[in-house]
Amino acid sequence: MSIKTVMCVFDVERWDQDVKSAIEFCQTQGAHMTALVICMGAVPAIATYEAISTTWLEGQQREIDRLAEETKAVQEILERTELSFDVQEIYTEFAWAEGDIAQHALYADIVLVGAQAAGNENLQRRIIDGALFQSPTPILINPRTQAVSAFPKSILLAWDSSDEAARATRQSIEFLKGCDCVHVTIVDPVARSWENGEEPGSDIAMFLSRHGVKVEVDRVASGGRRVDETLRQHAMDVAADMVVMGAYNHPRIQQRLFGGVTRSMLKDSQVPLLLSR
């Protein structure tokens, strides 16, 4: 996937470091930035109808005014760069945020979420629910204040022979091709011809090698640890600059977000995480 448009999501409350790292990422990619400044309106407190009408509307107007000010500040910073960019603002409510974000994500190659936006748990969840599960666009979440490297030297590709993992692989192919080493990592693999093959990881390694990707297959034993813990430790062991993995729904337990491995990786990962579904 060639990255030409990056949708960068900024939290109206805190965005300075995210904007700085997003600018650097888009510059190194030579990509257009769509800067999306988001404010999620507060839920009205329980009170009488008259009190809600007056107090809530006044608070809402203050939030809208703040959003306009912060959006203008982001615009002014970007105008001092040589980037191709556009700046948009969204004032939304918790119930509608996912759909609003998804609509904008349709027109980007990737959604970039910096540490400040990701640190807002409510916003992070709605970005993921919207962009990842209601649009075809992958998400790159950066837990660090420094920019994501456009040319990572080491990438951990979490592989389990699933559709989600295969899609994540394809959507990250430009990162993988420029990498010194891609570690195709399989936790506690079981050799099955109908799933992982008799040599787990060899099929995806061959596929990647035909694209010119330098690949190593790492079959890792969990030793009783959770899969997410095993992946995080292995990412440290191979000095990964990025982790690529598929994200999963679990309708069986009615989780709109996703399964435990992806959730835990998001919460605790110390390296940029590219998610696709």
C-alpha atoms as a PDB file:
ATOM      1  CA  MET A   1       0.000   0.000   0.000  1.00  0.00           C
ATOM      2  CA  SER A   2       1.433   3.341  -1.055  1.00  0.00           C
ATOM      3  CA  ILE A   3       0.647   6.034   1.522  1.00  0.00           C
ATOM      4  CA  LYS A   4      -0.522   9.257  -0.108  1.00  0.00           C
ATOM      5  CA  THR A   5      -3.067  10.516   2.433  1.00  0.00           C
ATOM      6  CA  VAL A   6      -2.685  10.283   6.211  1.00  0.00           C
ATOM      7  CA  MET A   7      -5.622  11.139   8.448  1.00  0.00           C
ATOM      8  CA  CYS A   8      -4.170  12.414  11.716  1.00  0.00           C
ATOM      9  CA  VAL A   9      -6.571  12.524  14.646  1.00  0.00           C
ATOM     10  CA  PHE A  10      -5.985  15.216  17.271  1.00  0.00           C
ATOM     11  CA  ASP A  11      -7.692  15.554  20.639  1.00  0.00           C
ATOM     12  CA  VAL A  12      -8.928  19.114  21.147  1.00  0.00           C
ATOM     13  CA  GLU A  13      -7.654  19.004  24.740  1.00  0.00           C
ATOM     14  CA  ARG A  14      -4.039  17.979  23.982  1.00  0.00           C
ATOM     15  CA  TRP A  15      -2.434  17.877  20.584  1.00  0.00           C
ATOM     16  CA  ASP A  16       0.899  19.729  20.467  1.00  0.00           C
ATOM     17  CA  GLN A  17       3.177  16.672  20.517  1.00  0.00           C
ATOM     18  CA  ASP A  18       0.859  14.690  18.244  1.00  0.00           C
ATOM     19  CA  VAL A  19       0.917  17.439  15.628  1.00  0.00           C
ATOM     20  CA  LYS A  20       4.702  17.643  15.760  1.00  0.00           C
ATOM     21  CA  SER A  21       5.198  13.904  15.268  1.00  0.00           C
ATOM     22  CA  ALA A  22       2.466  13.750  12.597  1.00  0.00           C
ATOM     23  CA  ILE A  23       4.169  16.482  10.585  1.00  0.00           C
ATOM     24  CA  GLU A  24       7.450  14.579  10.645  1.00  0.00           C
ATOM     25  CA  PHE A  25       5.755  11.324   9.630  1.00  0.00           C
ATOM     26  CA  CYS A  26       3.894  12.916   6.712  1.00  0.00           C
ATOM     27  CA  GLN A  27       7.004  14.750   5.555  1.00  0.00           C
ATOM     28  CA  THR A  28       9.075  11.576   5.406  1.00  0.00           C
ATOM     29  CA  GLN A  29       6.229   9.760   3.642  1.00  0.00           C
ATOM     30  CA  GLY A  30       5.698  12.636   1.202  1.00  0.00           C
ATOM     31  CA  ALA A  31       2.005  12.327   2.050  1.00  0.00           C
ATOM     32  CA  HIS A  32      -0.921  14.722   2.317  1.00  0.00           C
ATOM     33  CA  MET A  33      -2.139  15.257   5.873  1.00  0.00           C
ATOM     34  CA  THR A  34      -5.799  15.458   6.738  1.00  0.00           C
ATOM     35  CA  ALA A  35      -5.767  16.903  10.246  1.00  0.00           C
ATOM     36  CA  LEU A  36      -8.926  16.009  12.141  1.00  0.00           C
ATOM     37  CA  VAL A  37      -9.423  17.921  15.390  1.00  0.00           C
ATOM     38  CA  ILE A  38     -12.085  16.250  17.526  1.00  0.00           C
ATOM     39  CA  CYS A  39     -14.165  17.370  20.464  1.00  0.00           C
ATOM     40  CA  MET A  40     -16.636  14.938  21.980  1.00  0.00           C
ATOM     41  CA  GLY A  41     -19.384  16.864  23.724  1.00  0.00           C
ATOM     42  CA  ALA A  42     -20.036  16.258  27.384  1.00  0.00           C
ATOM     43  CA  VAL A  43     -23.070  14.242  28.394  1.00  0.00           C
ATOM     44  CA  PRO A  44     -25.713  16.401  30.143  1.00  0.00           C
ATOM     45  CA  ALA A  45     -25.799  15.991  33.904  1.00  0.00           C
ATOM     46  CA  ILE A  46     -28.964  14.691  35.529  1.00  0.00           C
ATOM     47  CA  ALA A  47     -31.117  17.692  36.378  1.00  0.00           C
ATOM     48  CA  THR A  48     -34.413  19.303  35.532  1.00  0.00           C
ATOM     49  CA  TYR A  49     -35.206  19.861  31.866  1.00  0.00           C
ATOM     50  CA  GLU A  50     -34.870  23.640  32.225  1.00  0.00           C
ATOM     51  CA  ALA A  51     -31.493  23.376  33.937  1.00  0.00           C
ATOM     52  CA  ILE A  52     -30.219  20.956  31.309  1.00  0.00           C
ATOM     53  CA  SER A  53     -31.427  23.171  28.485  1.00  0.00           C
ATOM     54  CA  THR A  54     -29.617  26.257  29.763  1.00  0.00           C
ATOM     55  CA  THR A  55     -26.488  24.849  31.373  1.00  0.00           C
ATOM     56  CA  TRP A  56     -25.842  22.183  28.760  1.00  0.00           C
ATOM     57  CA  LEU A  57     -26.304  24.531  25.823  1.00  0.00           C
ATOM     58  CA  GLU A  58     -23.945  27.067  27.372  1.00  0.00           C
ATOM     59  CA  GLY A  59     -21.347  24.360  27.961  1.00  0.00           C
ATOM     60  CA  GLN A  60     -21.793  23.042  24.452  1.00  0.00           C
ATOM     61  CA  GLN A  61     -21.179  26.489  22.990  1.00  0.00           C
ATOM     62  CA  ARG A  62     -17.990  26.836  25.027  1.00  0.00           C
ATOM     63  CA  GLU A  63     -16.804  23.490  23.665  1.00  0.00           C
ATOM     64  CA  ILE A  64     -17.591  24.526  20.097  1.00  0.00           C
ATOM     65  CA  ASP A  65     -15.742  27.828  20.562  1.00  0.00           C
ATOM     66  CA  ARG A  66     -12.748  25.992  22.036  1.00  0.00           C
ATOM     67  CA  LEU A  67     -12.742  23.579  19.103  1.00  0.00           C
ATOM     68  CA  ALA A  68     -12.665  26.467  16.626  1.00  0.00           C
ATOM     69  CA  GLU A  69      -9.735  28.066  18.473  1.00  0.00           C
ATOM     70  CA  GLU A  70      -7.701  24.869  18.650  1.00  0.00           C
ATOM     71  CA  THR A  71      -8.411  24.021  15.025  1.00  0.00           C
ATOM     72  CA  LYS A  72      -7.187  27.457  14.000  1.00  0.00           C
ATOM     73  CA  ALA A  73      -4.008  26.930  16.036  1.00  0.00           C
ATOM     74  CA  VAL A  74      -3.355  23.597  14.290  1.00  0.00           C
ATOM     75  CA  GLN A  75      -3.976  25.269  10.934  1.00  0.00           C
ATOM     76  CA  GLU A  76      -1.446  28.009  11.702  1.00  0.00           C
ATOM     77  CA  ILE A  77       1.231  25.470  12.634  1.00  0.00           C
ATOM     78  CA  LEU A  78       0.699  23.482   9.442  1.00  0.00           C
ATOM     79  CA  GLU A  79       0.797  26.647   7.338  1.00  0.00           C
ATOM     80  CA  ARG A  80       4.389  27.135   8.482  1.00  0.00           C
ATOM     81  CA  THR A  81       5.365  23.815   6.928  1.00  0.00           C
ATOM     82  CA  GLU A  82       5.657  22.786   3.304  1.00  0.00           C
ATOM     83  CA  LEU A  83       3.165  19.966   3.740  1.00  0.00           C
ATOM     84  CA  SER A  84       0.139  19.421   1.584  1.00  0.00           C
ATOM     85  CA  PHE A  85      -2.672  19.434   4.144  1.00  0.00           C
ATOM     86  CA  ASP A  86      -6.257  20.192   5.020  1.00  0.00           C
ATOM     87  CA  VAL A  87      -7.693  20.779   8.472  1.00  0.00           C
ATOM     88  CA  GLN A  88     -11.141  19.680   9.560  1.00  0.00           C
ATOM     89  CA  GLU A  89     -12.963  19.827  12.857  1.00  0.00           C
ATOM     90  CA  ILE A  90     -15.576  17.527  14.337  1.00  0.00           C
ATOM     91  CA  TYR A  91     -17.855  18.393  17.200  1.00  0.00           C
ATOM     92  CA  THR A  92     -19.650  15.208  18.040  1.00  0.00           C
ATOM     93  CA  GLU A  93     -21.228  13.273  20.874  1.00  0.00           C
ATOM     94  CA  PHE A  94     -20.161   9.918  22.250  1.00  0.00           C
ATOM     95  CA  ALA A  95     -22.992   8.109  20.499  1.00  0.00           C
ATOM     96  CA  TRP A  96     -22.125   9.496  17.063  1.00  0.00           C
ATOM     97  CA  ALA A  97     -18.335   9.787  17.216  1.00  0.00           C
ATOM     98  CA  GLU A  98     -17.610   6.418  15.606  1.00  0.00           C
ATOM     99  CA  GLY A  99     -19.664   7.138  12.508  1.00  0.00           C
ATOM    100  CA  ASP A 100     -18.233  10.638  12.131  1.00  0.00           C
ATOM    101  CA  ILE A 101     -14.667   9.342  12.336  1.00  0.00           C
ATOM    102  CA  ALA A 102     -15.392   6.449   9.973  1.00  0.00           C
ATOM    103  CA  GLN A 103     -16.765   8.808   7.345  1.00  0.00           C
ATOM    104  CA  HIS A 104     -13.506  10.772   7.251  1.00  0.00           C
ATOM    105  CA  ALA A 105     -11.343   7.632   7.376  1.00  0.00           C
ATOM    106  CA  LEU A 106     -12.820   6.433   4.079  1.00  0.00           C
ATOM    107  CA  TYR A 107     -10.649   8.943   2.242  1.00  0.00           C
ATOM    108  CA  ALA A 108      -7.276   8.138   3.807  1.00  0.00           C
ATOM    109  CA  ASP A 109      -4.690   5.431   3.258  1.00  0.00           C
ATOM    110  CA  ILE A 110      -3.947   5.204   6.961  1.00  0.00           C
ATOM    111  CA  VAL A 111      -5.175   6.752  10.213  1.00  0.00           C
ATOM    112  CA  LEU A 112      -2.418   8.012  12.516  1.00  0.00           C
ATOM    113  CA  VAL A 113      -3.157   8.307  16.228  1.00  0.00           C
ATOM    114  CA  GLY A 114      -0.506   9.908  18.408  1.00  0.00           C
ATOM    115  CA  ALA A 115       0.240   9.378  22.084  1.00  0.00           C
ATOM    116  CA  GLN A 116      -1.894  12.277  23.285  1.00  0.00           C
ATOM    117  CA  ALA A 117      -5.013  11.213  21.386  1.00  0.00           C
ATOM    118  CA  ALA A 118      -4.430   7.567  22.304  1.00  0.00           C
ATOM    119  CA  GLY A 119      -4.098   8.590  25.944  1.00  0.00           C
ATOM    120  CA  ASN A 120      -7.744   9.690  25.924  1.00  0.00           C
ATOM    121  CA  GLU A 121      -9.336   6.283  26.419  1.00  0.00           C
ATOM    122  CA  ASN A 122     -12.812   7.340  25.289  1.00  0.00           C
ATOM    123  CA  LEU A 123     -11.463   8.967  22.144  1.00  0.00           C
ATOM    124  CA  GLN A 124      -9.108   6.085  21.378  1.00  0.00           C
ATOM    125  CA  ARG A 125     -11.925   3.576  21.585  1.00  0.00           C
ATOM    126  CA  ARG A 126     -14.146   5.560  19.258  1.00  0.00           C
ATOM    127  CA  ILE A 127     -11.352   6.107  16.753  1.00  0.00           C
ATOM    128  CA  ILE A 128     -10.765   2.372  16.629  1.00  0.00           C
ATOM    129  CA  ASP A 129     -14.448   1.467  16.529  1.00  0.00           C
ATOM    130  CA  GLY A 130     -15.000   4.008  13.771  1.00  0.00           C
ATOM    131  CA  ALA A 131     -11.911   3.924  11.577  1.00  0.00           C
ATOM    132  CA  LEU A 132     -10.995   0.267  12.025  1.00  0.00           C
ATOM    133  CA  PHE A 133     -14.376  -1.434  12.188  1.00  0.00           C
ATOM    134  CA  GLN A 134     -16.495   0.899  10.061  1.00  0.00           C
ATOM    135  CA  SER A 135     -14.000   1.735   7.312  1.00  0.00           C
ATOM    136  CA  PRO A 136     -11.398  -0.251   5.339  1.00  0.00           C
ATOM    137  CA  THR A 137      -8.554   1.934   6.580  1.00  0.00           C
ATOM    138  CA  PRO A 138      -5.759   0.608   8.830  1.00  0.00           C
ATOM    139  CA  ILE A 139      -4.734   2.445  11.984  1.00  0.00           C
ATOM    140  CA  LEU A 140      -1.219   3.260  13.136  1.00  0.00           C
ATOM    141  CA  ILE A 141      -1.115   4.026  16.855  1.00  0.00           C
ATOM    142  CA  ASN A 142       2.027   5.685  18.134  1.00  0.00           C
ATOM    143  CA  PRO A 143       2.482   5.505  21.931  1.00  0.00           C
ATOM    144  CA  ARG A 144       5.659   7.576  21.761  1.00  0.00           C
ATOM    145  CA  THR A 145       6.148  11.323  21.570  1.00  0.00           C
ATOM    146  CA  GLN A 146       8.661  10.987  18.733  1.00  0.00           C
ATOM    147  CA  ALA A 147       7.444  10.370  15.203  1.00  0.00           C
ATOM    148  CA  VAL A 148       6.867   6.903  13.795  1.00  0.00           C
ATOM    149  CA  SER A 149       9.772   6.018  11.541  1.00  0.00           C
ATOM    150  CA  ALA A 150       8.755   5.979   7.895  1.00  0.00           C
ATOM    151  CA  PHE A 151      11.534   3.448   7.376  1.00  0.00           C
ATOM    152  CA  PRO A 152      11.548   1.087  10.378  1.00  0.00           C
ATOM    153  CA  LYS A 153      14.541  -1.242  10.557  1.00  0.00           C
ATOM    154  CA  SER A 154      12.843  -4.049  12.460  1.00  0.00           C
ATOM    155  CA  ILE A 155       9.155  -5.020  12.359  1.00  0.00           C
ATOM    156  CA  LEU A 156       7.351  -7.723  14.277  1.00  0.00           C
ATOM    157  CA  LEU A 157       4.517  -9.199  12.207  1.00  0.00           C
ATOM    158  CA  ALA A 158       2.134 -11.120  14.480  1.00  0.00           C
ATOM    159  CA  TRP A 159       0.999 -14.059  12.364  1.00  0.00           C
ATOM    160  CA  ASP A 160      -1.774 -16.586  12.988  1.00  0.00           C
ATOM    161  CA  SER A 161      -2.912 -17.450   9.446  1.00  0.00           C
ATOM    162  CA  SER A 162      -6.099 -15.395   9.864  1.00  0.00           C
ATOM    163  CA  ASP A 163      -7.787 -13.109   7.352  1.00  0.00           C
ATOM    164  CA  GLU A 164      -7.078 -10.155   9.644  1.00  0.00           C
ATOM    165  CA  ALA A 165      -3.357 -10.924   9.842  1.00  0.00           C
ATOM    166  CA  ALA A 166      -3.164 -11.379   6.067  1.00  0.00           C
ATOM    167  CA  ARG A 167      -4.902  -8.057   5.496  1.00  0.00           C
ATOM    168  CA  ALA A 168      -2.581  -6.302   7.938  1.00  0.00           C
ATOM    169  CA  THR A 169       0.379  -7.783   6.067  1.00  0.00           C
ATOM    170  CA  ARG A 170      -0.823  -6.469   2.721  1.00  0.00           C
ATOM    171  CA  GLN A 171      -1.702  -3.037   4.070  1.00  0.00           C
ATOM    172  CA  SER A 172       1.732  -2.645   5.667  1.00  0.00           C
ATOM    173  CA  ILE A 173       3.710  -3.963   2.694  1.00  0.00           C
ATOM    174  CA  GLU A 174       5.497  -0.661   1.999  1.00  0.00           C
ATOM    175  CA  PHE A 175       6.832  -0.588   5.560  1.00  0.00           C
ATOM    176  CA  LEU A 176       7.826  -4.250   5.318  1.00  0.00           C
ATOM    177  CA  LYS A 177       9.658  -3.858   2.008  1.00  0.00           C
ATOM    178  CA  GLY A 178      11.901  -1.115   3.347  1.00  0.00           C
ATOM    179  CA  CYS A 179      12.743  -2.967   6.541  1.00  0.00           C
ATOM    180  CA  ASP A 180      16.083  -4.576   7.413  1.00  0.00           C
ATOM    181  CA  CYS A 181      14.245  -7.544   8.910  1.00  0.00           C
ATOM    182  CA  VAL A 182      10.609  -8.545   9.331  1.00  0.00           C
ATOM    183  CA  HIS A 183      10.094 -11.016  12.154  1.00  0.00           C
ATOM    184  CA  VAL A 184       7.072 -13.165  11.300  1.00  0.00           C
ATOM    185  CA  THR A 185       6.166 -14.168  14.838  1.00  0.00           C
ATOM    186  CA  ILE A 186       3.949 -17.123  15.700  1.00  0.00           C
ATOM    187  CA  VAL A 187       3.175 -17.885  19.328  1.00  0.00           C
ATOM    188  CA  ASP A 188       2.848 -21.573  20.208  1.00  0.00           C
ATOM    189  CA  PRO A 189       2.336 -22.668  16.589  1.00  0.00           C
ATOM    190  CA  VAL A 190       0.697 -25.972  15.765  1.00  0.00           C
ATOM    191  CA  ALA A 191       1.575 -27.588  12.447  1.00  0.00           C
ATOM    192  CA  ARG A 192      -1.663 -28.128  10.522  1.00  0.00           C
ATOM    193  CA  SER A 193      -1.758 -28.356   6.754  1.00  0.00           C
ATOM    194  CA  TRP A 194      -5.147 -26.627   6.689  1.00  0.00           C
ATOM    195  CA  GLU A 195      -4.061 -23.665   8.814  1.00  0.00           C
ATOM    196  CA  ASN A 196      -0.418 -22.953   9.580  1.00  0.00           C
ATOM    197  CA  GLY A 197       1.068 -25.526   7.232  1.00  0.00           C
ATOM    198  CA  GLU A 198       3.533 -28.217   8.166  1.00  0.00           C
ATOM    199  CA  GLU A 199       6.122 -25.486   8.789  1.00  0.00           C
ATOM    200  CA  PRO A 200       4.163 -22.642  10.423  1.00  0.00           C
ATOM    201  CA  GLY A 201       5.088 -19.260   8.966  1.00  0.00           C
ATOM    202  CA  SER A 202       6.863 -20.579   5.879  1.00  0.00           C
ATOM    203  CA  ASP A 203       3.996 -19.755   3.500  1.00  0.00           C
ATOM    204  CA  ILE A 204       3.715 -16.095   4.517  1.00  0.00           C
ATOM    205  CA  ALA A 205       7.518 -15.822   4.561  1.00  0.00           C
ATOM    206  CA  MET A 206       7.664 -17.044   0.967  1.00  0.00           C
ATOM    207  CA  PHE A 207       4.909 -14.613  -0.032  1.00  0.00           C
ATOM    208  CA  LEU A 208       6.804 -11.703   1.512  1.00  0.00           C
ATOM    209  CA  SER A 209      10.145 -12.736   0.042  1.00  0.00           C
ATOM    210  CA  ARG A 210       8.640 -12.473  -3.442  1.00  0.00           C
ATOM    211  CA  HIS A 211       7.957  -8.830  -2.628  1.00  0.00           C
ATOM    212  CA  GLY A 212      11.601  -8.343  -1.727  1.00  0.00           C
ATOM    213  CA  VAL A 213      10.981  -8.404   2.025  1.00  0.00           C
ATOM    214  CA  LYS A 214      13.774  -9.690   4.259  1.00  0.00           C
ATOM    215  CA  VAL A 215      12.043 -12.209   6.520  1.00  0.00           C
ATOM    216  CA  GLU A 216      12.781 -14.342   9.534  1.00  0.00           C
ATOM    217  CA  VAL A 217      10.196 -16.735  10.966  1.00  0.00           C
ATOM    218  CA  ASP A 218      10.185 -16.730  14.770  1.00  0.00           C
ATOM    219  CA  ARG A 219       8.213 -19.555  16.349  1.00  0.00           C
ATOM    220  CA  VAL A 220       7.941 -18.457  19.961  1.00  0.00           C
ATOM    221  CA  ALA A 221       6.838 -20.511  22.953  1.00  0.00           C
ATOM    222  CA  SER A 222       4.683 -18.603  25.404  1.00  0.00           C
ATOM    223  CA  GLY A 223       5.891 -20.594  28.401  1.00  0.00           C
ATOM    224  CA  GLY A 224       2.538 -20.084  30.071  1.00  0.00           C
ATOM    225  CA  ARG A 225       2.455 -16.337  29.493  1.00  0.00           C
ATOM    226  CA  ARG A 226      -0.402 -14.566  27.737  1.00  0.00           C
ATOM    227  CA  VAL A 227       0.004 -14.085  23.993  1.00  0.00           C
ATOM    228  CA  ASP A 228       0.180 -10.291  24.300  1.00  0.00           C
ATOM    229  CA  GLU A 229       2.941 -10.548  26.918  1.00  0.00           C
ATOM    230  CA  THR A 230       4.862 -12.926  24.674  1.00  0.00           C
ATOM    231  CA  LEU A 231       4.528 -10.598  21.690  1.00  0.00           C
ATOM    232  CA  ARG A 232       5.606  -7.535  23.670  1.00  0.00           C
ATOM    233  CA  GLN A 233       8.655  -9.340  25.038  1.00  0.00           C
ATOM    234  CA  HIS A 234       9.625 -10.600  21.598  1.00  0.00           C
ATOM    235  CA  ALA A 235       9.213  -7.094  20.180  1.00  0.00           C
ATOM    236  CA  MET A 236      11.754  -5.940  22.749  1.00  0.00           C
ATOM    237  CA  ASP A 237      14.059  -8.875  22.013  1.00  0.00           C
ATOM    238  CA  VAL A 238      14.220  -8.073  18.288  1.00  0.00           C
ATOM    239  CA  ALA A 239      14.288  -4.291  18.885  1.00  0.00           C
ATOM    240  CA  ALA A 240      11.132  -3.854  16.813  1.00  0.00           C
ATOM    241  CA  ASP A 241      10.344  -0.342  15.620  1.00  0.00           C
ATOM    242  CA  MET A 242       6.763  -1.376  14.806  1.00  0.00           C
ATOM    243  CA  VAL A 243       4.317  -4.205  15.457  1.00  0.00           C
ATOM    244  CA  VAL A 244       1.879  -5.199  12.707  1.00  0.00           C
ATOM    245  CA  MET A 245      -1.153  -7.304  13.578  1.00  0.00           C
ATOM    246  CA  GLY A 246      -4.768  -7.994  12.762  1.00  0.00           C
ATOM    247  CA  ALA A 247      -7.566  -6.742  15.011  1.00  0.00           C
ATOM    248  CA  TYR A 248     -10.419  -8.991  15.977  1.00  0.00           C
ATOM    249  CA  ASN A 249     -14.101  -8.763  16.784  1.00  0.00           C
ATOM    250  CA  HIS A 250     -15.671 -11.154  19.249  1.00  0.00           C
ATOM    251  CA  PRO A 251     -19.434 -10.990  18.648  1.00  0.00           C
ATOM    252  CA  ARG A 252     -19.782 -14.183  20.642  1.00  0.00           C
ATOM    253  CA  ILE A 253     -19.250 -12.192  23.822  1.00  0.00           C
ATOM    254  CA  GLN A 254     -20.714  -9.044  22.304  1.00  0.00           C
ATOM    255  CA  GLN A 255     -17.548  -6.979  22.444  1.00  0.00           C
ATOM    256  CA  ARG A 256     -17.757  -4.243  19.886  1.00  0.00           C
ATOM    257  CA  LEU A 257     -14.098  -3.536  20.295  1.00  0.00           C
ATOM    258  CA  PHE A 258     -11.911  -6.613  19.937  1.00  0.00           C
ATOM    259  CA  GLY A 259     -10.300  -9.554  21.568  1.00  0.00           C
ATOM    260  CA  GLY A 260      -8.006  -9.658  24.544  1.00  0.00           C
ATOM    261  CA  VAL A 261      -4.697  -9.818  22.663  1.00  0.00           C
ATOM    262  CA  THR A 262      -5.361  -6.718  20.576  1.00  0.00           C
ATOM    263  CA  ARG A 263      -6.836  -4.840  23.521  1.00  0.00           C
ATOM    264  CA  SER A 264      -3.841  -5.607  25.731  1.00  0.00           C
ATOM    265  CA  MET A 265      -1.356  -4.729  23.001  1.00  0.00           C
ATOM    266  CA  LEU A 266      -3.040  -1.356  22.611  1.00  0.00           C
ATOM    267  CA  LYS A 267      -2.984  -0.699  26.320  1.00  0.00           C
ATOM    268  CA  ASP A 268       0.596  -1.685  27.040  1.00  0.00           C
ATOM    269  CA  SER A 269       2.581  -1.511  23.795  1.00  0.00           C
ATOM    270  CA  GLN A 270       5.712   0.630  23.862  1.00  0.00           C
ATOM    271  CA  VAL A 271       6.215   0.582  20.089  1.00  0.00           C
ATOM    272  CA  PRO A 272       4.001   1.835  17.236  1.00  0.00           C
ATOM    273  CA  LEU A 273       1.201  -0.598  16.461  1.00  0.00           C
ATOM    274  CA  LEU A 274      -0.325  -0.984  12.998  1.00  0.00           C
ATOM    275  CA  LEU A 275      -3.773  -2.581  13.137  1.00  0.00           C
ATOM    276  CA  SER A 276      -5.935  -3.803  10.295  1.00  0.00           C
ATOM    277  CA  ARG A 277      -9.132  -5.753  10.097  1.00  0.00           C
END
